[in-house]
Amino acid sequence: MAELKMPEINSVINSVIIAGNLTKDPVFRQTNSGGTPVVNFSIACNRRFRDSNHMWQEDVCYVGVVAWNKLAESCRDNLKKSSAVLVDGELQSRTWKAQDGTSRTVVEIKARRIQFLNKRKKNGEDDEEGFIEDECHDIHHGEIPDDEASHIYEYKYLSSD
């Protein structure tokens, strides 16, 4: 019998891209060792499907996100409850001991890039340029399908690199 081997994959294996709206304001803090900026927030992502009666249903998935360094600072400064974002990152799990002594585990997205999808106001007027980019990050513009163009505006990527 032939030996089974994992196929070689030259691309990133642990990668996720998800869009949604923040369920609460982001929580910003700095680590005790070194003061590294970190922000946590969760997003709600909707999924539409047809049930067994062929009726449209909607389901909501809540996903936790963590961002570090300059990306965390940009999230703190630009995001709030209900902000629309597109998150590019990787899944990670972490385990800790709760106050009652039990082990807790969470799976969340460690963000590499976050795309802010809401239009930003500048001095009370609409700012067509979107969010201001950190100097050390590249800007990527994407095309928006015509059916979404009425409620999504120009955007820029903010990267954790």
C-alpha atoms as a PDB file:
ATOM      1  CA  MET A   1       0.000   0.000   0.000  1.00  0.00           C
ATOM      2  CA  ALA A   2       1.332   3.448  -0.890  1.00  0.00           C
ATOM      3  CA  GLU A   3       2.400   5.796   1.879  1.00  0.00           C
ATOM      4  CA  LEU A   4       0.112   8.816   2.322  1.00  0.00           C
ATOM      5  CA  LYS A   5       1.825  12.198   2.352  1.00  0.00           C
ATOM      6  CA  MET A   6       0.589  15.717   2.895  1.00  0.00           C
ATOM      7  CA  PRO A   7       0.570  17.639  -0.383  1.00  0.00           C
ATOM      8  CA  GLU A   8       3.111  20.428  -0.612  1.00  0.00           C
ATOM      9  CA  ILE A   9       1.441  23.799  -0.633  1.00  0.00           C
ATOM     10  CA  ASN A  10       3.527  26.813  -1.578  1.00  0.00           C
ATOM     11  CA  SER A  11       1.021  29.385  -0.386  1.00  0.00           C
ATOM     12  CA  VAL A  12      -0.049  30.409   3.095  1.00  0.00           C
ATOM     13  CA  ILE A  13      -2.084  27.667   4.721  1.00  0.00           C
ATOM     14  CA  ASN A  14      -3.514  29.544   7.717  1.00  0.00           C
ATOM     15  CA  SER A  15      -5.223  32.489   6.074  1.00  0.00           C
ATOM     16  CA  VAL A  16      -8.666  34.026   6.493  1.00  0.00           C
ATOM     17  CA  ILE A  17     -10.451  37.019   4.998  1.00  0.00           C
ATOM     18  CA  ILE A  18     -13.732  38.094   6.546  1.00  0.00           C
ATOM     19  CA  ALA A  19     -15.955  41.188   6.452  1.00  0.00           C
ATOM     20  CA  GLY A  20     -18.362  42.409   9.089  1.00  0.00           C
ATOM     21  CA  ASN A  21     -19.341  45.148  11.505  1.00  0.00           C
ATOM     22  CA  LEU A  22     -17.912  45.750  14.979  1.00  0.00           C
ATOM     23  CA  THR A  23     -20.280  44.625  17.717  1.00  0.00           C
ATOM     24  CA  LYS A  24     -18.750  47.018  20.313  1.00  0.00           C
ATOM     25  CA  ASP A  25     -16.065  49.683  20.494  1.00  0.00           C
ATOM     26  CA  PRO A  26     -12.545  48.221  20.215  1.00  0.00           C
ATOM     27  CA  VAL A  27     -10.677  47.560  23.487  1.00  0.00           C
ATOM     28  CA  PHE A  28      -7.167  49.052  23.351  1.00  0.00           C
ATOM     29  CA  ARG A  29      -4.384  48.301  25.820  1.00  0.00           C
ATOM     30  CA  GLN A  30      -0.623  47.936  26.013  1.00  0.00           C
ATOM     31  CA  THR A  31       1.217  44.823  27.146  1.00  0.00           C
ATOM     32  CA  ASN A  32       2.834  44.844  30.610  1.00  0.00           C
ATOM     33  CA  SER A  33       6.185  43.823  29.164  1.00  0.00           C
ATOM     34  CA  GLY A  34       7.333  46.451  26.694  1.00  0.00           C
ATOM     35  CA  GLY A  35       4.114  48.415  26.281  1.00  0.00           C
ATOM     36  CA  THR A  36       3.260  46.913  22.881  1.00  0.00           C
ATOM     37  CA  PRO A  37      -0.088  48.273  21.599  1.00  0.00           C
ATOM     38  CA  VAL A  38      -2.830  45.674  21.135  1.00  0.00           C
ATOM     39  CA  VAL A  39      -6.526  46.020  20.308  1.00  0.00           C
ATOM     40  CA  ASN A  40      -9.328  43.454  20.507  1.00  0.00           C
ATOM     41  CA  PHE A  41     -12.756  43.648  18.940  1.00  0.00           C
ATOM     42  CA  SER A  42     -15.389  41.334  17.542  1.00  0.00           C
ATOM     43  CA  ILE A  43     -17.284  41.553  14.293  1.00  0.00           C
ATOM     44  CA  ALA A  44     -20.649  40.187  13.232  1.00  0.00           C
ATOM     45  CA  CYS A  45     -20.742  38.507   9.822  1.00  0.00           C
ATOM     46  CA  ASN A  46     -24.050  37.678   8.138  1.00  0.00           C
ATOM     47  CA  ARG A  47     -24.692  34.578   6.062  1.00  0.00           C
ATOM     48  CA  ARG A  48     -27.787  34.161   3.899  1.00  0.00           C
ATOM     49  CA  PHE A  49     -29.070  30.725   2.936  1.00  0.00           C
ATOM     50  CA  ARG A  50     -32.211  28.930   1.837  1.00  0.00           C
ATOM     51  CA  ASP A  51     -33.799  26.590   4.344  1.00  0.00           C
ATOM     52  CA  SER A  52     -35.505  23.269   3.540  1.00  0.00           C
ATOM     53  CA  ASN A  53     -38.666  25.203   2.547  1.00  0.00           C
ATOM     54  CA  HIS A  54     -36.613  27.310   0.105  1.00  0.00           C
ATOM     55  CA  MET A  55     -37.170  30.410   2.245  1.00  0.00           C
ATOM     56  CA  TRP A  56     -34.288  32.847   2.716  1.00  0.00           C
ATOM     57  CA  GLN A  57     -32.813  32.782   6.221  1.00  0.00           C
ATOM     58  CA  GLU A  58     -29.999  34.765   7.788  1.00  0.00           C
ATOM     59  CA  ASP A  59     -27.453  33.576  10.322  1.00  0.00           C
ATOM     60  CA  VAL A  60     -24.915  35.683  12.205  1.00  0.00           C
ATOM     61  CA  CYS A  61     -21.399  34.560  13.074  1.00  0.00           C
ATOM     62  CA  TYR A  62     -19.436  36.502  15.705  1.00  0.00           C
ATOM     63  CA  VAL A  63     -15.658  36.503  15.254  1.00  0.00           C
ATOM     64  CA  GLY A  64     -12.974  37.902  17.567  1.00  0.00           C
ATOM     65  CA  VAL A  65     -10.090  39.914  16.098  1.00  0.00           C
ATOM     66  CA  VAL A  66      -6.767  40.978  17.626  1.00  0.00           C
ATOM     67  CA  ALA A  67      -4.388  43.529  16.077  1.00  0.00           C
ATOM     68  CA  TRP A  68      -0.940  44.628  17.235  1.00  0.00           C
ATOM     69  CA  ASN A  69       1.433  47.620  17.035  1.00  0.00           C
ATOM     70  CA  LYS A  70       0.593  50.435  14.559  1.00  0.00           C
ATOM     71  CA  LEU A  71      -2.386  48.516  13.241  1.00  0.00           C
ATOM     72  CA  ALA A  72      -3.794  48.416  16.793  1.00  0.00           C
ATOM     73  CA  GLU A  73      -3.305  52.182  17.143  1.00  0.00           C
ATOM     74  CA  SER A  74      -5.044  52.806  13.805  1.00  0.00           C
ATOM     75  CA  CYS A  75      -7.982  50.651  14.908  1.00  0.00           C
ATOM     76  CA  ARG A  76      -8.209  52.542  18.224  1.00  0.00           C
ATOM     77  CA  ASP A  77      -8.257  55.878  16.375  1.00  0.00           C
ATOM     78  CA  ASN A  78     -10.615  54.978  13.536  1.00  0.00           C
ATOM     79  CA  LEU A  79     -13.008  52.224  14.582  1.00  0.00           C
ATOM     80  CA  LYS A  80     -16.081  52.224  16.785  1.00  0.00           C
ATOM     81  CA  LYS A  81     -19.187  50.120  17.299  1.00  0.00           C
ATOM     82  CA  SER A  82     -20.858  49.278  13.939  1.00  0.00           C
ATOM     83  CA  SER A  83     -17.808  50.218  11.822  1.00  0.00           C
ATOM     84  CA  ALA A  84     -17.556  48.047   8.714  1.00  0.00           C
ATOM     85  CA  VAL A  85     -14.220  46.279   8.193  1.00  0.00           C
ATOM     86  CA  LEU A  86     -12.586  43.652   6.033  1.00  0.00           C
ATOM     87  CA  VAL A  87      -9.996  41.674   8.007  1.00  0.00           C
ATOM     88  CA  ASP A  88      -7.138  39.700   6.458  1.00  0.00           C
ATOM     89  CA  GLY A  89      -5.268  37.534   8.930  1.00  0.00           C
ATOM     90  CA  GLU A  90      -4.695  34.113  10.372  1.00  0.00           C
ATOM     91  CA  LEU A  91      -6.546  31.982  12.886  1.00  0.00           C
ATOM     92  CA  GLN A  92      -4.897  31.550  16.247  1.00  0.00           C
ATOM     93  CA  SER A  93      -5.988  29.936  19.465  1.00  0.00           C
ATOM     94  CA  ARG A  94      -4.954  30.811  22.983  1.00  0.00           C
ATOM     95  CA  THR A  95      -5.656  29.233  26.341  1.00  0.00           C
ATOM     96  CA  TRP A  96      -5.681  30.819  29.808  1.00  0.00           C
ATOM     97  CA  LYS A  97      -6.813  30.046  33.326  1.00  0.00           C
ATOM     98  CA  ALA A  98     -10.029  31.758  34.382  1.00  0.00           C
ATOM     99  CA  GLN A  99     -10.529  33.171  37.896  1.00  0.00           C
ATOM    100  CA  ASP A 100     -12.442  30.027  38.876  1.00  0.00           C
ATOM    101  CA  GLY A 101      -9.409  27.886  37.906  1.00  0.00           C
ATOM    102  CA  THR A 102     -10.877  26.392  34.725  1.00  0.00           C
ATOM    103  CA  SER A 103      -9.032  26.506  31.409  1.00  0.00           C
ATOM    104  CA  ARG A 104     -10.544  28.674  28.699  1.00  0.00           C
ATOM    105  CA  THR A 105      -9.672  28.602  25.006  1.00  0.00           C
ATOM    106  CA  VAL A 106     -10.587  31.063  22.283  1.00  0.00           C
ATOM    107  CA  VAL A 107     -10.017  30.990  18.522  1.00  0.00           C
ATOM    108  CA  GLU A 108      -9.669  34.438  16.965  1.00  0.00           C
ATOM    109  CA  ILE A 109      -8.215  36.182  13.951  1.00  0.00           C
ATOM    110  CA  LYS A 110      -4.770  37.739  14.319  1.00  0.00           C
ATOM    111  CA  ALA A 111      -5.048  40.589  11.816  1.00  0.00           C
ATOM    112  CA  ARG A 112      -2.369  41.218   9.195  1.00  0.00           C
ATOM    113  CA  ARG A 113      -4.369  43.899   7.406  1.00  0.00           C
ATOM    114  CA  ILE A 114      -7.644  45.644   8.163  1.00  0.00           C
ATOM    115  CA  GLN A 115      -9.571  47.506   5.525  1.00  0.00           C
ATOM    116  CA  PHE A 116     -11.828  50.245   6.912  1.00  0.00           C
ATOM    117  CA  LEU A 117     -14.969  50.328   4.781  1.00  0.00           C
ATOM    118  CA  ASN A 118     -16.830  53.310   6.253  1.00  0.00           C
ATOM    119  CA  LYS A 119     -16.536  56.763   4.804  1.00  0.00           C
ATOM    120  CA  ARG A 120     -14.738  59.173   7.126  1.00  0.00           C
ATOM    121  CA  LYS A 121     -15.805  62.721   7.916  1.00  0.00           C
ATOM    122  CA  LYS A 122     -13.148  65.434   8.014  1.00  0.00           C
ATOM    123  CA  ASN A 123     -14.030  68.790   9.575  1.00  0.00           C
ATOM    124  CA  GLY A 124     -17.710  67.953   9.264  1.00  0.00           C
ATOM    125  CA  GLU A 125     -17.427  67.304   5.512  1.00  0.00           C
ATOM    126  CA  ASP A 126     -17.119  64.049   3.608  1.00  0.00           C
ATOM    127  CA  ASP A 127     -13.508  63.054   2.976  1.00  0.00           C
ATOM    128  CA  GLU A 128     -13.327  61.177  -0.321  1.00  0.00           C
ATOM    129  CA  GLU A 129      -9.831  59.884   0.474  1.00  0.00           C
ATOM    130  CA  GLY A 130     -10.986  57.452   3.170  1.00  0.00           C
ATOM    131  CA  PHE A 131      -8.841  56.826   6.216  1.00  0.00           C
ATOM    132  CA  ILE A 132      -5.368  58.253   6.562  1.00  0.00           C
ATOM    133  CA  GLU A 133      -2.701  55.630   6.045  1.00  0.00           C
ATOM    134  CA  ASP A 134       0.194  55.044   8.430  1.00  0.00           C
ATOM    135  CA  GLU A 135       3.390  56.133   6.677  1.00  0.00           C
ATOM    136  CA  CYS A 136       4.993  52.685   6.820  1.00  0.00           C
ATOM    137  CA  HIS A 137       2.108  50.835   5.149  1.00  0.00           C
ATOM    138  CA  ASP A 138       1.313  50.263   1.500  1.00  0.00           C
ATOM    139  CA  ILE A 139      -2.007  51.419   0.086  1.00  0.00           C
ATOM    140  CA  HIS A 140      -4.095  48.978  -1.947  1.00  0.00           C
ATOM    141  CA  HIS A 141      -7.179  50.167  -3.797  1.00  0.00           C
ATOM    142  CA  GLY A 142      -9.812  47.625  -4.785  1.00  0.00           C
ATOM    143  CA  GLU A 143     -12.729  47.694  -7.143  1.00  0.00           C
ATOM    144  CA  ILE A 144     -16.216  47.745  -5.689  1.00  0.00           C
ATOM    145  CA  PRO A 145     -19.018  45.934  -7.526  1.00  0.00           C
ATOM    146  CA  ASP A 146     -21.709  48.285  -8.884  1.00  0.00           C
ATOM    147  CA  ASP A 147     -24.401  46.829  -6.615  1.00  0.00           C
ATOM    148  CA  GLU A 148     -22.327  47.745  -3.530  1.00  0.00           C
ATOM    149  CA  ALA A 149     -21.025  51.120  -4.694  1.00  0.00           C
ATOM    150  CA  SER A 150     -23.931  53.039  -3.171  1.00  0.00           C
ATOM    151  CA  HIS A 151     -22.983  52.195   0.413  1.00  0.00           C
ATOM    152  CA  ILE A 152     -19.253  51.354   0.373  1.00  0.00           C
ATOM    153  CA  TYR A 153     -16.675  54.006  -0.316  1.00  0.00           C
ATOM    154  CA  GLU A 154     -13.036  54.273  -1.246  1.00  0.00           C
ATOM    155  CA  TYR A 155     -10.815  52.552   1.248  1.00  0.00           C
ATOM    156  CA  LYS A 156      -7.213  51.868   2.169  1.00  0.00           C
ATOM    157  CA  TYR A 157      -5.505  48.880   3.727  1.00  0.00           C
ATOM    158  CA  LEU A 158      -3.749  49.227   7.043  1.00  0.00           C
ATOM    159  CA  SER A 159      -1.175  46.533   7.639  1.00  0.00           C
ATOM    160  CA  SER A 160       0.437  45.153  10.773  1.00  0.00           C
ATOM    161  CA  ASP A 161       3.816  44.830   9.008  1.00  0.00           C
END
